[in-house]
PDB file of N, CA and C in Angstrom:
ATOM      1  N   MET A   1      50.242 -36.058-110.590  1.00  0.00           N
ATOM      2  CA  MET A   1      51.353 -36.963-110.361  1.00  0.00           C
ATOM      3  C   MET A   1      52.538 -36.185-109.787  1.00  0.00           C
ATOM      4  N   ARG A   2      53.116 -36.709-108.721  1.00  0.00           N
ATOM      5  CA  ARG A   2      54.232 -36.041-108.062  1.00  0.00           C
ATOM      6  C   ARG A   2      55.545 -36.452-108.686  1.00  0.00           C
ATOM      7  N   LYS A   3      56.425 -35.491-108.804  1.00  0.00           N
ATOM      8  CA  LYS A   3      57.773 -35.774-109.294  1.00  0.00           C
ATOM      9  C   LYS A   3      58.720 -35.841-108.114  1.00  0.00           C
ATOM     10  N   GLY A   4      59.616 -36.816-108.113  1.00  0.00           N
ATOM     11  CA  GLY A   4      60.677 -36.891-107.106  1.00  0.00           C
ATOM     12  C   GLY A   4      60.178 -36.955-105.679  1.00  0.00           C
ATOM     13  N   ASN A   5      59.603 -38.042-105.289  1.00  0.00           N
ATOM     14  CA  ASN A   5      59.159 -38.231-103.916  1.00  0.00           C
ATOM     15  C   ASN A   5      60.369 -38.168-102.990  1.00  0.00           C
ATOM     16  N   LYS A   6      60.293 -37.330-101.972  1.00  0.00           N
ATOM     17  CA  LYS A   6      61.433 -37.153-101.059  1.00  0.00           C
ATOM     18  C   LYS A   6      61.785 -38.437-100.326  1.00  0.00           C
ATOM     19  N   GLY A   7      60.842 -39.349-100.180  1.00  0.00           N
ATOM     20  CA  GLY A   7      61.091 -40.589 -99.462  1.00  0.00           C
ATOM     21  C   GLY A   7      61.790 -41.640-100.307  1.00  0.00           C
ATOM     22  N   ASP A   8      62.091 -41.333-101.562  1.00  0.00           N
ATOM     23  CA  ASP A   8      62.712 -42.309-102.448  1.00  0.00           C
ATOM     24  C   ASP A   8      64.144 -42.637-102.052  1.00  0.00           C
ATOM     25  N   LYS A   9      64.863 -41.714-101.444  1.00  0.00           N
ATOM     26  CA  LYS A   9      66.274 -41.921-101.146  1.00  0.00           C
ATOM     27  C   LYS A   9      66.499 -41.867 -99.639  1.00  0.00           C
ATOM     28  N   ASN A  10      67.275 -42.804 -99.144  1.00  0.00           N
ATOM     29  CA  ASN A  10      67.625 -42.856 -97.740  1.00  0.00           C
ATOM     30  C   ASN A  10      68.664 -41.770 -97.450  1.00  0.00           C
ATOM     31  N   PHE A  11      68.479 -41.034 -96.369  1.00  0.00           N
ATOM     32  CA  PHE A  11      69.385 -39.950 -96.011  1.00  0.00           C
ATOM     33  C   PHE A  11      70.814 -40.456 -95.854  1.00  0.00           C
ATOM     34  N   LEU A  12      70.980 -41.681 -95.391  1.00  0.00           N
ATOM     35  CA  LEU A  12      72.314 -42.243 -95.173  1.00  0.00           C
ATOM     36  C   LEU A  12      73.054 -42.532 -96.475  1.00  0.00           C
ATOM     37  N   ASP A  13      72.337 -42.526 -97.606  1.00  0.00           N
ATOM     38  CA  ASP A  13      72.963 -42.761 -98.906  1.00  0.00           C
ATOM     39  C   ASP A  13      73.546 -41.496 -99.530  1.00  0.00           C
ATOM     40  N   TYR A  14      73.253 -40.349 -98.946  1.00  0.00           N
ATOM     41  CA  TYR A  14      73.775 -39.094 -99.487  1.00  0.00           C
ATOM     42  C   TYR A  14      75.270 -38.982 -99.233  1.00  0.00           C
ATOM     43  N   ILE A  15      75.932 -38.267-100.135  1.00  0.00           N
ATOM     44  CA  ILE A  15      77.368 -38.007-100.001  1.00  0.00           C
ATOM     45  C   ILE A  15      77.535 -36.541 -99.630  1.00  0.00           C
ATOM     46  N   PRO A  16      78.035 -36.252 -98.423  1.00  0.00           N
ATOM     47  CA  PRO A  16      78.258 -34.850 -98.046  1.00  0.00           C
ATOM     48  C   PRO A  16      79.516 -34.302 -98.719  1.00  0.00           C
ATOM     49  N   ILE A  17      79.401 -33.072 -99.201  1.00  0.00           N
ATOM     50  CA  ILE A  17      80.523 -32.396 -99.852  1.00  0.00           C
ATOM     51  C   ILE A  17      80.699 -31.044 -99.174  1.00  0.00           C
ATOM     52  N   ARG A  18      81.912 -30.766 -98.725  1.00  0.00           N
ATOM     53  CA  ARG A  18      82.186 -29.463 -98.105  1.00  0.00           C
ATOM     54  C   ARG A  18      82.025 -28.359 -99.134  1.00  0.00           C
ATOM     55  N   ILE A  19      81.411 -27.250 -98.730  1.00  0.00           N
ATOM     56  CA  ILE A  19      81.255 -26.098 -99.603  1.00  0.00           C
ATOM     57  C   ILE A  19      82.611 -25.399 -99.708  1.00  0.00           C
ATOM     58  N   ALA A  20      83.041 -25.142-100.936  1.00  0.00           N
ATOM     59  CA  ALA A  20      84.320 -24.472-101.162  1.00  0.00           C
ATOM     60  C   ALA A  20      84.263 -23.055-100.605  1.00  0.00           C
ATOM     61  N   GLY A  21      85.371 -22.572-100.149  1.00  0.00           N
ATOM     62  CA  GLY A  21      85.449 -21.200 -99.664  1.00  0.00           C
ATOM     63  C   GLY A  21      85.556 -21.083 -98.157  1.00  0.00           C
ATOM     64  N   TYR A  22      85.297 -22.158 -97.453  1.00  0.00           N
ATOM     65  CA  TYR A  22      85.466 -22.133 -95.999  1.00  0.00           C
ATOM     66  C   TYR A  22      86.844 -22.674 -95.654  1.00  0.00           C
ATOM     67  N   ARG A  23      87.612 -21.850 -94.986  1.00  0.00           N
ATOM     68  CA  ARG A  23      88.931 -22.284 -94.524  1.00  0.00           C
ATOM     69  C   ARG A  23      88.737 -22.933 -93.163  1.00  0.00           C
ATOM     70  N   TRP A  24      89.480 -23.971 -92.884  1.00  0.00           N
ATOM     71  CA  TRP A  24      89.385 -24.633 -91.587  1.00  0.00           C
ATOM     72  C   TRP A  24      90.752 -25.165 -91.189  1.00  0.00           C
ATOM     73  N   GLU A  25      90.898 -25.371 -89.896  1.00  0.00           N
ATOM     74  CA  GLU A  25      92.139 -25.948 -89.384  1.00  0.00           C
ATOM     75  C   GLU A  25      91.849 -26.671 -88.079  1.00  0.00           C
ATOM     76  N   ALA A  26      92.712 -27.609 -87.767  1.00  0.00           N
ATOM     77  CA  ALA A  26      92.601 -28.370 -86.523  1.00  0.00           C
ATOM     78  C   ALA A  26      93.743 -27.956 -85.602  1.00  0.00           C
ATOM     79  N   ASP A  27      93.448 -27.837 -84.307  1.00  0.00           N
ATOM     80  CA  ASP A  27      94.487 -27.484 -83.346  1.00  0.00           C
ATOM     81  C   ASP A  27      95.241 -28.734 -82.893  1.00  0.00           C
ATOM     82  N   GLU A  28      96.099 -28.584 -81.896  1.00  0.00           N
ATOM     83  CA  GLU A  28      96.929 -29.688 -81.420  1.00  0.00           C
ATOM     84  C   GLU A  28      96.096 -30.848 -80.894  1.00  0.00           C
ATOM     85  N   GLU A  29      94.915 -30.550 -80.335  1.00  0.00           N
ATOM     86  CA  GLU A  29      94.065 -31.602 -79.779  1.00  0.00           C
ATOM     87  C   GLU A  29      93.133 -32.199 -80.821  1.00  0.00           C
ATOM     88  N   GLY A  30      93.208 -31.706 -82.060  1.00  0.00           N
ATOM     89  CA  GLY A  30      92.367 -32.228 -83.124  1.00  0.00           C
ATOM     90  C   GLY A  30      91.024 -31.540 -83.263  1.00  0.00           C
ATOM     91  N   LEU A  31      90.791 -30.475 -82.478  1.00  0.00           N
ATOM     92  CA  LEU A  31      89.526 -29.751 -82.569  1.00  0.00           C
ATOM     93  C   LEU A  31      89.559 -28.813 -83.770  1.00  0.00           C
ATOM     94  N   VAL A  32      88.502 -28.850 -84.570  1.00  0.00           N
ATOM     95  CA  VAL A  32      88.438 -28.109 -85.827  1.00  0.00           C
ATOM     96  C   VAL A  32      87.769 -26.757 -85.617  1.00  0.00           C
ATOM     97  N   THR A  33      88.337 -25.739 -86.264  1.00  0.00           N
ATOM     98  CA  THR A  33      87.742 -24.405 -86.320  1.00  0.00           C
ATOM     99  C   THR A  33      87.500 -24.081 -87.786  1.00  0.00           C
ATOM    100  N   ILE A  34      86.260 -23.674 -88.100  1.00  0.00           N
ATOM    101  CA  ILE A  34      85.901 -23.264 -89.452  1.00  0.00           C
ATOM    102  C   ILE A  34      85.810 -21.747 -89.452  1.00  0.00           C
ATOM    103  N   TYR A  35      86.424 -21.117 -90.452  1.00  0.00           N
ATOM    104  CA  TYR A  35      86.435 -19.658 -90.549  1.00  0.00           C
ATOM    105  C   TYR A  35      85.417 -19.218 -91.606  1.00  0.00           C
ATOM    106  N   VAL A  36      84.501 -18.344 -91.181  1.00  0.00           N
ATOM    107  CA  VAL A  36      83.427 -17.875 -92.056  1.00  0.00           C
ATOM    108  C   VAL A  36      83.601 -16.382 -92.279  1.00  0.00           C
ATOM    109  N   GLU A  37      83.812 -16.000 -93.544  1.00  0.00           N
ATOM    110  CA  GLU A  37      83.949 -14.584 -93.872  1.00  0.00           C
ATOM    111  C   GLU A  37      82.558 -13.957 -93.939  1.00  0.00           C
ATOM    112  N   ASN A  38      82.381 -12.861 -93.206  1.00  0.00           N
ATOM    113  CA  ASN A  38      81.093 -12.161 -93.166  1.00  0.00           C
ATOM    114  C   ASN A  38      81.059 -11.124 -94.280  1.00  0.00           C
ATOM    115  N   ARG A  39      80.337 -11.461 -95.362  1.00  0.00           N
ATOM    116  CA  ARG A  39      80.264 -10.591 -96.533  1.00  0.00           C
ATOM    117  C   ARG A  39      78.871  -9.998 -96.663  1.00  0.00           C
ATOM    118  N   GLY A  40      78.758  -9.036 -97.542  1.00  0.00           N
ATOM    119  CA  GLY A  40      77.461  -8.445 -97.834  1.00  0.00           C
ATOM    120  C   GLY A  40      77.276  -7.105 -97.151  1.00  0.00           C
ATOM    121  N   PHE A  41      76.271  -6.379 -97.612  1.00  0.00           N
ATOM    122  CA  PHE A  41      76.014  -5.031 -97.128  1.00  0.00           C
ATOM    123  C   PHE A  41      75.739  -4.993 -95.628  1.00  0.00           C
ATOM    124  N   PHE A  42      74.827  -5.841 -95.151  1.00  0.00           N
ATOM    125  CA  PHE A  42      74.450  -5.807 -93.742  1.00  0.00           C
ATOM    126  C   PHE A  42      75.601  -6.224 -92.833  1.00  0.00           C
ATOM    127  N   ASN A  43      76.392  -7.189 -93.281  1.00  0.00           N
ATOM    128  CA  ASN A  43      77.557  -7.589 -92.485  1.00  0.00           C
ATOM    129  C   ASN A  43      78.591  -6.470 -92.421  1.00  0.00           C
ATOM    130  N   ARG A  44      78.812  -5.784 -93.543  1.00  0.00           N
ATOM    131  CA  ARG A  44      79.770  -4.667 -93.528  1.00  0.00           C
ATOM    132  C   ARG A  44      79.267  -3.543 -92.627  1.00  0.00           C
ATOM    133  N   ALA A  45      77.969  -3.274 -92.673  1.00  0.00           N
ATOM    134  CA  ALA A  45      77.401  -2.235 -91.807  1.00  0.00           C
ATOM    135  C   ALA A  45      77.575  -2.624 -90.341  1.00  0.00           C
ATOM    136  N   ALA A  46      77.316  -3.895 -90.014  1.00  0.00           N
ATOM    137  CA  ALA A  46      77.477  -4.353 -88.631  1.00  0.00           C
ATOM    138  C   ALA A  46      78.936  -4.281 -88.196  1.00  0.00           C
ATOM    139  N   GLN A  47      79.854  -4.530 -89.139  1.00  0.00           N
ATOM    140  CA  GLN A  47      81.271  -4.453 -88.808  1.00  0.00           C
ATOM    141  C   GLN A  47      81.665  -3.022 -88.462  1.00  0.00           C
ATOM    142  N   LYS A  48      81.136  -2.071 -89.190  1.00  0.00           N
ATOM    143  CA  LYS A  48      81.489  -0.673 -88.942  1.00  0.00           C
ATOM    144  C   LYS A  48      80.757  -0.101 -87.722  1.00  0.00           C
ATOM    145  N   LEU A  49      79.455  -0.388 -87.622  1.00  0.00           N
ATOM    146  CA  LEU A  49      78.646   0.200 -86.551  1.00  0.00           C
ATOM    147  C   LEU A  49      78.808  -0.504 -85.210  1.00  0.00           C
ATOM    148  N   PHE A  50      78.852  -1.832 -85.252  1.00  0.00           N
ATOM    149  CA  PHE A  50      78.856  -2.601 -84.003  1.00  0.00           C
ATOM    150  C   PHE A  50      80.157  -3.344 -83.756  1.00  0.00           C
ATOM    151  N   HIS A  51      81.170  -3.044 -84.564  1.00  0.00           N
ATOM    152  CA  HIS A  51      82.500  -3.649 -84.419  1.00  0.00           C
ATOM    153  C   HIS A  51      82.445  -5.178 -84.452  1.00  0.00           C
ATOM    154  N   ARG A  52      81.665  -5.701 -85.382  1.00  0.00           N
ATOM    155  CA  ARG A  52      81.579  -7.154 -85.594  1.00  0.00           C
ATOM    156  C   ARG A  52      82.803  -7.606 -86.389  1.00  0.00           C
ATOM    157  N   PRO A  53      83.250  -8.842 -86.193  1.00  0.00           N
ATOM    158  CA  PRO A  53      84.453  -9.310 -86.908  1.00  0.00           C
ATOM    159  C   PRO A  53      84.184  -9.566 -88.387  1.00  0.00           C
ATOM    160  N   LYS A  54      85.226  -9.402 -89.213  1.00  0.00           N
ATOM    161  CA  LYS A  54      85.113  -9.724 -90.632  1.00  0.00           C
ATOM    162  C   LYS A  54      85.049 -11.231 -90.841  1.00  0.00           C
ATOM    163  N   ILE A  55      85.707 -11.956 -89.965  1.00  0.00           N
ATOM    164  CA  ILE A  55      85.725 -13.413 -90.055  1.00  0.00           C
ATOM    165  C   ILE A  55      85.262 -13.988 -88.720  1.00  0.00           C
ATOM    166  N   SER A  56      84.204 -14.804 -88.788  1.00  0.00           N
ATOM    167  CA  SER A  56      83.711 -15.489 -87.595  1.00  0.00           C
ATOM    168  C   SER A  56      84.348 -16.871 -87.514  1.00  0.00           C
ATOM    169  N   GLN A  57      84.472 -17.363 -86.305  1.00  0.00           N
ATOM    170  CA  GLN A  57      85.048 -18.689 -86.091  1.00  0.00           C
ATOM    171  C   GLN A  57      83.973 -19.612 -85.534  1.00  0.00           C
ATOM    172  N   VAL A  58      83.850 -20.776 -86.148  1.00  0.00           N
ATOM    173  CA  VAL A  58      82.932 -21.807 -85.670  1.00  0.00           C
ATOM    174  C   VAL A  58      83.789 -22.942 -85.136  1.00  0.00           C
ATOM    175  N   HIS A  59      83.702 -23.188 -83.835  1.00  0.00           N
ATOM    176  CA  HIS A  59      84.502 -24.224 -83.181  1.00  0.00           C
ATOM    177  C   HIS A  59      83.666 -25.494 -83.067  1.00  0.00           C
ATOM    178  N   LEU A  60      84.158 -26.580 -83.652  1.00  0.00           N
ATOM    179  CA  LEU A  60      83.461 -27.852 -83.575  1.00  0.00           C
ATOM    180  C   LEU A  60      83.894 -28.613 -82.326  1.00  0.00           C
ATOM    181  N   GLU A  61      82.957 -29.357 -81.761  1.00  0.00           N
ATOM    182  CA  GLU A  61      83.264 -30.159 -80.585  1.00  0.00           C
ATOM    183  C   GLU A  61      84.014 -31.420 -81.016  1.00  0.00           C
ATOM    184  N   LYS A  62      84.297 -32.296 -80.075  1.00  0.00           N
ATOM    185  CA  LYS A  62      85.118 -33.491 -80.323  1.00  0.00           C
ATOM    186  C   LYS A  62      84.539 -34.356 -81.447  1.00  0.00           C
ATOM    187  N   THR A  63      83.254 -34.629 -81.411  1.00  0.00           N
ATOM    188  CA  THR A  63      82.633 -35.484 -82.422  1.00  0.00           C
ATOM    189  C   THR A  63      82.649 -34.814 -83.789  1.00  0.00           C
ATOM    190  N   GLY A  64      82.244 -33.557 -83.850  1.00  0.00           N
ATOM    191  CA  GLY A  64      82.246 -32.816 -85.108  1.00  0.00           C
ATOM    192  C   GLY A  64      83.638 -32.679 -85.690  1.00  0.00           C
ATOM    193  N   SER A  65      84.621 -32.500 -84.827  1.00  0.00           N
ATOM    194  CA  SER A  65      86.014 -32.390 -85.272  1.00  0.00           C
ATOM    195  C   SER A  65      86.525 -33.710 -85.833  1.00  0.00           C
ATOM    196  N   PHE A  66      85.994 -34.814 -85.331  1.00  0.00           N
ATOM    197  CA  PHE A  66      86.369 -36.121 -85.880  1.00  0.00           C
ATOM    198  C   PHE A  66      85.706 -36.337 -87.244  1.00  0.00           C
ATOM    199  N   ILE A  67      84.453 -35.889 -87.372  1.00  0.00           N
ATOM    200  CA  ILE A  67      83.677 -36.109 -88.598  1.00  0.00           C
ATOM    201  C   ILE A  67      84.147 -35.198 -89.731  1.00  0.00           C
ATOM    202  N   TRP A  68      84.452 -33.924 -89.439  1.00  0.00           N
ATOM    203  CA  TRP A  68      84.740 -32.933 -90.487  1.00  0.00           C
ATOM    204  C   TRP A  68      85.804 -33.387 -91.498  1.00  0.00           C
ATOM    205  N   PRO A  69      86.958 -33.910 -91.079  1.00  0.00           N
ATOM    206  CA  PRO A  69      87.961 -34.351 -92.065  1.00  0.00           C
ATOM    207  C   PRO A  69      87.508 -35.575 -92.882  1.00  0.00           C
ATOM    208  N   LEU A  70      86.515 -36.317 -92.385  1.00  0.00           N
ATOM    209  CA  LEU A  70      86.020 -37.486 -93.113  1.00  0.00           C
ATOM    210  C   LEU A  70      85.139 -37.094 -94.297  1.00  0.00           C
ATOM    211  N   ILE A  71      84.694 -35.844 -94.330  1.00  0.00           N
ATOM    212  CA  ILE A  71      83.846 -35.365 -95.422  1.00  0.00           C
ATOM    213  C   ILE A  71      84.756 -35.072 -96.607  1.00  0.00           C
ATOM    214  N   ASP A  72      84.835 -36.034 -97.512  1.00  0.00           N
ATOM    215  CA  ASP A  72      85.757 -35.914 -98.640  1.00  0.00           C
ATOM    216  C   ASP A  72      85.058 -35.902 -99.998  1.00  0.00           C
ATOM    217  N   GLY A  73      83.744 -35.927 -99.997  1.00  0.00           N
ATOM    218  CA  GLY A  73      83.002 -35.934-101.257  1.00  0.00           C
ATOM    219  C   GLY A  73      82.903 -37.307-101.896  1.00  0.00           C
ATOM    220  N   LYS A  74      83.374 -38.338-101.201  1.00  0.00           N
ATOM    221  CA  LYS A  74      83.328 -39.707-101.725  1.00  0.00           C
ATOM    222  C   LYS A  74      82.554 -40.643-100.807  1.00  0.00           C
ATOM    223  N   LYS A  75      82.686 -40.447 -99.504  1.00  0.00           N
ATOM    224  CA  LYS A  75      82.026 -41.327 -98.535  1.00  0.00           C
ATOM    225  C   LYS A  75      80.576 -40.897 -98.324  1.00  0.00           C
ATOM    226  N   THR A  76      79.688 -41.891 -98.209  1.00  0.00           N
ATOM    227  CA  THR A  76      78.299 -41.604 -97.872  1.00  0.00           C
ATOM    228  C   THR A  76      78.202 -41.350 -96.366  1.00  0.00           C
ATOM    229  N   ILE A  77      77.066 -40.842 -95.949  1.00  0.00           N
ATOM    230  CA  ILE A  77      76.848 -40.628 -94.514  1.00  0.00           C
ATOM    231  C   ILE A  77      76.912 -41.969 -93.782  1.00  0.00           C
ATOM    232  N   TYR A  78      76.414 -43.023 -94.417  1.00  0.00           N
ATOM    233  CA  TYR A  78      76.479 -44.353 -93.805  1.00  0.00           C
ATOM    234  C   TYR A  78      77.931 -44.778 -93.588  1.00  0.00           C
ATOM    235  N   GLU A  79      78.778 -44.599 -94.605  1.00  0.00           N
ATOM    236  CA  GLU A  79      80.194 -44.987 -94.496  1.00  0.00           C
ATOM    237  C   GLU A  79      80.904 -44.165 -93.427  1.00  0.00           C
ATOM    238  N   ILE A  80      80.591 -42.886 -93.365  1.00  0.00           N
ATOM    239  CA  ILE A  80      81.168 -42.048 -92.308  1.00  0.00           C
ATOM    240  C   ILE A  80      80.704 -42.550 -90.946  1.00  0.00           C
ATOM    241  N   GLY A  81      79.442 -42.947 -90.870  1.00  0.00           N
ATOM    242  CA  GLY A  81      78.902 -43.493 -89.619  1.00  0.00           C
ATOM    243  C   GLY A  81      79.615 -44.751 -89.168  1.00  0.00           C
ATOM    244  N   GLU A  82      79.997 -45.603 -90.109  1.00  0.00           N
ATOM    245  CA  GLU A  82      80.750 -46.813 -89.770  1.00  0.00           C
ATOM    246  C   GLU A  82      82.080 -46.446 -89.115  1.00  0.00           C
ATOM    247  N   ILE A  83      82.767 -45.450 -89.662  1.00  0.00           N
ATOM    248  CA  ILE A  83      84.055 -45.014 -89.115  1.00  0.00           C
ATOM    249  C   ILE A  83      83.859 -44.376 -87.745  1.00  0.00           C
ATOM    250  N   VAL A  84      82.858 -43.514 -87.637  1.00  0.00           N
ATOM    251  CA  VAL A  84      82.568 -42.830 -86.370  1.00  0.00           C
ATOM    252  C   VAL A  84      82.174 -43.850 -85.299  1.00  0.00           C
ATOM    253  N   GLY A  85      81.326 -44.802 -85.674  1.00  0.00           N
ATOM    254  CA  GLY A  85      80.909 -45.837 -84.726  1.00  0.00           C
ATOM    255  C   GLY A  85      82.074 -46.677 -84.239  1.00  0.00           C
ATOM    256  N   GLY A  86      83.020 -46.973 -85.127  1.00  0.00           N
ATOM    257  CA  GLY A  86      84.202 -47.735 -84.732  1.00  0.00           C
ATOM    258  C   GLY A  86      85.111 -46.964 -83.796  1.00  0.00           C
ATOM    259  N   HIS A  87      85.103 -45.645 -83.934  1.00  0.00           N
ATOM    260  CA  HIS A  87      85.970 -44.813 -83.088  1.00  0.00           C
ATOM    261  C   HIS A  87      85.332 -44.525 -81.727  1.00  0.00           C
ATOM    262  N   PHE A  88      84.047 -44.167 -81.730  1.00  0.00           N
ATOM    263  CA  PHE A  88      83.385 -43.753 -80.494  1.00  0.00           C
ATOM    264  C   PHE A  88      82.604 -44.881 -79.816  1.00  0.00           C
ATOM    265  N   HIS A  89      82.463 -46.026 -80.468  1.00  0.00           N
ATOM    266  CA  HIS A  89      81.755 -47.195 -79.954  1.00  0.00           C
ATOM    267  C   HIS A  89      80.333 -46.821 -79.529  1.00  0.00           C
ATOM    268  N   ASP A  90      79.957 -47.067 -78.287  1.00  0.00           N
ATOM    269  CA  ASP A  90      78.583 -46.832 -77.822  1.00  0.00           C
ATOM    270  C   ASP A  90      78.353 -45.412 -77.312  1.00  0.00           C
ATOM    271  N   GLU A  91      79.364 -44.567 -77.368  1.00  0.00           N
ATOM    272  CA  GLU A  91      79.276 -43.213 -76.832  1.00  0.00           C
ATOM    273  C   GLU A  91      78.226 -42.359 -77.556  1.00  0.00           C
ATOM    274  N   LEU A  92      77.965 -42.640 -78.827  1.00  0.00           N
ATOM    275  CA  LEU A  92      77.055 -41.811 -79.624  1.00  0.00           C
ATOM    276  C   LEU A  92      75.740 -42.507 -79.968  1.00  0.00           C
ATOM    277  N   ASN A  93      75.361 -43.517 -79.217  1.00  0.00           N
ATOM    278  CA  ASN A  93      74.109 -44.218 -79.527  1.00  0.00           C
ATOM    279  C   ASN A  93      72.907 -43.357 -79.195  1.00  0.00           C
ATOM    280  N   PRO A  94      71.894 -43.352 -80.052  1.00  0.00           N
ATOM    281  CA  PRO A  94      71.782 -44.005 -81.352  1.00  0.00           C
ATOM    282  C   PRO A  94      72.555 -43.216 -82.409  1.00  0.00           C
ATOM    283  N   LEU A  95      73.483 -43.869 -83.062  1.00  0.00           N
ATOM    284  CA  LEU A  95      74.443 -43.207 -83.949  1.00  0.00           C
ATOM    285  C   LEU A  95      73.804 -42.573 -85.178  1.00  0.00           C
ATOM    286  N   TYR A  96      73.067 -43.341 -85.956  1.00  0.00           N
ATOM    287  CA  TYR A  96      72.606 -42.828 -87.249  1.00  0.00           C
ATOM    288  C   TYR A  96      71.563 -41.719 -87.142  1.00  0.00           C
ATOM    289  N   PRO A  97      70.625 -41.776 -86.196  1.00  0.00           N
ATOM    290  CA  PRO A  97      69.745 -40.606 -86.050  1.00  0.00           C
ATOM    291  C   PRO A  97      70.515 -39.340 -85.660  1.00  0.00           C
ATOM    292  N   ARG A  98      71.516 -39.489 -84.808  1.00  0.00           N
ATOM    293  CA  ARG A  98      72.328 -38.331 -84.406  1.00  0.00           C
ATOM    294  C   ARG A  98      73.166 -37.821 -85.572  1.00  0.00           C
ATOM    295  N   LEU A  99      73.716 -38.748 -86.347  1.00  0.00           N
ATOM    296  CA  LEU A  99      74.526 -38.374 -87.497  1.00  0.00           C
ATOM    297  C   LEU A  99      73.665 -37.679 -88.560  1.00  0.00           C
ATOM    298  N   SER A 100      72.472 -38.185 -88.774  1.00  0.00           N
ATOM    299  CA  SER A 100      71.553 -37.559 -89.734  1.00  0.00           C
ATOM    300  C   SER A 100      71.207 -36.140 -89.301  1.00  0.00           C
ATOM    301  N   LYS A 101      70.943 -35.951 -88.033  1.00  0.00           N
ATOM    302  CA  LYS A 101      70.635 -34.618 -87.501  1.00  0.00           C
ATOM    303  C   LYS A 101      71.843 -33.693 -87.657  1.00  0.00           C
ATOM    304  N   TYR A 102      73.043 -34.210 -87.386  1.00  0.00           N
ATOM    305  CA  TYR A 102      74.259 -33.406 -87.483  1.00  0.00           C
ATOM    306  C   TYR A 102      74.504 -32.947 -88.919  1.00  0.00           C
ATOM    307  N   PHE A 103      74.362 -33.861 -89.875  1.00  0.00           N
ATOM    308  CA  PHE A 103      74.567 -33.480 -91.272  1.00  0.00           C
ATOM    309  C   PHE A 103      73.466 -32.544 -91.754  1.00  0.00           C
ATOM    310  N   GLY A 104      72.267 -32.702 -91.226  1.00  0.00           N
ATOM    311  CA  GLY A 104      71.201 -31.752 -91.548  1.00  0.00           C
ATOM    312  C   GLY A 104      71.549 -30.354 -91.060  1.00  0.00           C
ATOM    313  N   MET A 105      72.147 -30.259 -89.876  1.00  0.00           N
ATOM    314  CA  MET A 105      72.563 -28.965 -89.334  1.00  0.00           C
ATOM    315  C   MET A 105      73.698 -28.374 -90.170  1.00  0.00           C
ATOM    316  N   LEU A 106      74.674 -29.192 -90.558  1.00  0.00           N
ATOM    317  CA  LEU A 106      75.772 -28.703 -91.397  1.00  0.00           C
ATOM    318  C   LEU A 106      75.238 -28.182 -92.730  1.00  0.00           C
ATOM    319  N   LYS A 107      74.249 -28.874 -93.279  1.00  0.00           N
ATOM    320  CA  LYS A 107      73.648 -28.444 -94.541  1.00  0.00           C
ATOM    321  C   LYS A 107      72.890 -27.132 -94.357  1.00  0.00           C
ATOM    322  N   ASN A 108      72.097 -27.037 -93.292  1.00  0.00           N
ATOM    323  CA  ASN A 108      71.327 -25.816 -93.036  1.00  0.00           C
ATOM    324  C   ASN A 108      72.216 -24.606 -92.774  1.00  0.00           C
ATOM    325  N   CYS A 109      73.394 -24.837 -92.202  1.00  0.00           N
ATOM    326  CA  CYS A 109      74.330 -23.750 -91.952  1.00  0.00           C
ATOM    327  C   CYS A 109      75.144 -23.386 -93.198  1.00  0.00           C
ATOM    328  N   GLY A 110      75.036 -24.202 -94.240  1.00  0.00           N
ATOM    329  CA  GLY A 110      75.743 -23.909 -95.484  1.00  0.00           C
ATOM    330  C   GLY A 110      77.173 -24.400 -95.532  1.00  0.00           C
ATOM    331  N   PHE A 111      77.539 -25.323 -94.639  1.00  0.00           N
ATOM    332  CA  PHE A 111      78.894 -25.845 -94.636  1.00  0.00           C
ATOM    333  C   PHE A 111      79.068 -27.031 -95.589  1.00  0.00           C
ATOM    334  N   VAL A 112      77.993 -27.782 -95.831  1.00  0.00           N
ATOM    335  CA  VAL A 112      78.049 -28.926 -96.738  1.00  0.00           C
ATOM    336  C   VAL A 112      76.823 -28.913 -97.643  1.00  0.00           C
ATOM    337  N   GLU A 113      76.958 -29.630 -98.759  1.00  0.00           N
ATOM    338  CA  GLU A 113      75.804 -29.949 -99.583  1.00  0.00           C
ATOM    339  C   GLU A 113      75.751 -31.457 -99.669  1.00  0.00           C
ATOM    340  N   LEU A 114      74.567 -31.986 -99.878  1.00  0.00           N
ATOM    341  CA  LEU A 114      74.384 -33.431 -99.934  1.00  0.00           C
ATOM    342  C   LEU A 114      74.019 -33.852-101.344  1.00  0.00           C
ATOM    343  N   LYS A 115      74.808 -34.743-101.911  1.00  0.00           N
ATOM    344  CA  LYS A 115      74.571 -35.237-103.277  1.00  0.00           C
ATOM    345  C   LYS A 115      74.088 -36.660-103.235  1.00  0.00           C
TER     346      LYS A 115
END
């Protein structure tokens, strides 16, 4: 008998929560930059040997910059999609498959967790 079938919950019902510890800011045009501190032995070695930065910058595009501030730990992916769809209209069709892929990427990169 299997426990917790992955198909039991719709991906759009998950609530994305930003991982604490990432500093971010938006510029004058509203584009978001996330700052990632490079920690650990291998990162420190790369910083010394290859002059890698201590803090990397991840620049989000227009859509990602609109979505990032909406991640408040209360809205589901579906609710965020409603707001995004109202703002971008048909520009992001098909909206929900793209949004699901985007949140999957944010999760895989360690920027959000899904509850």
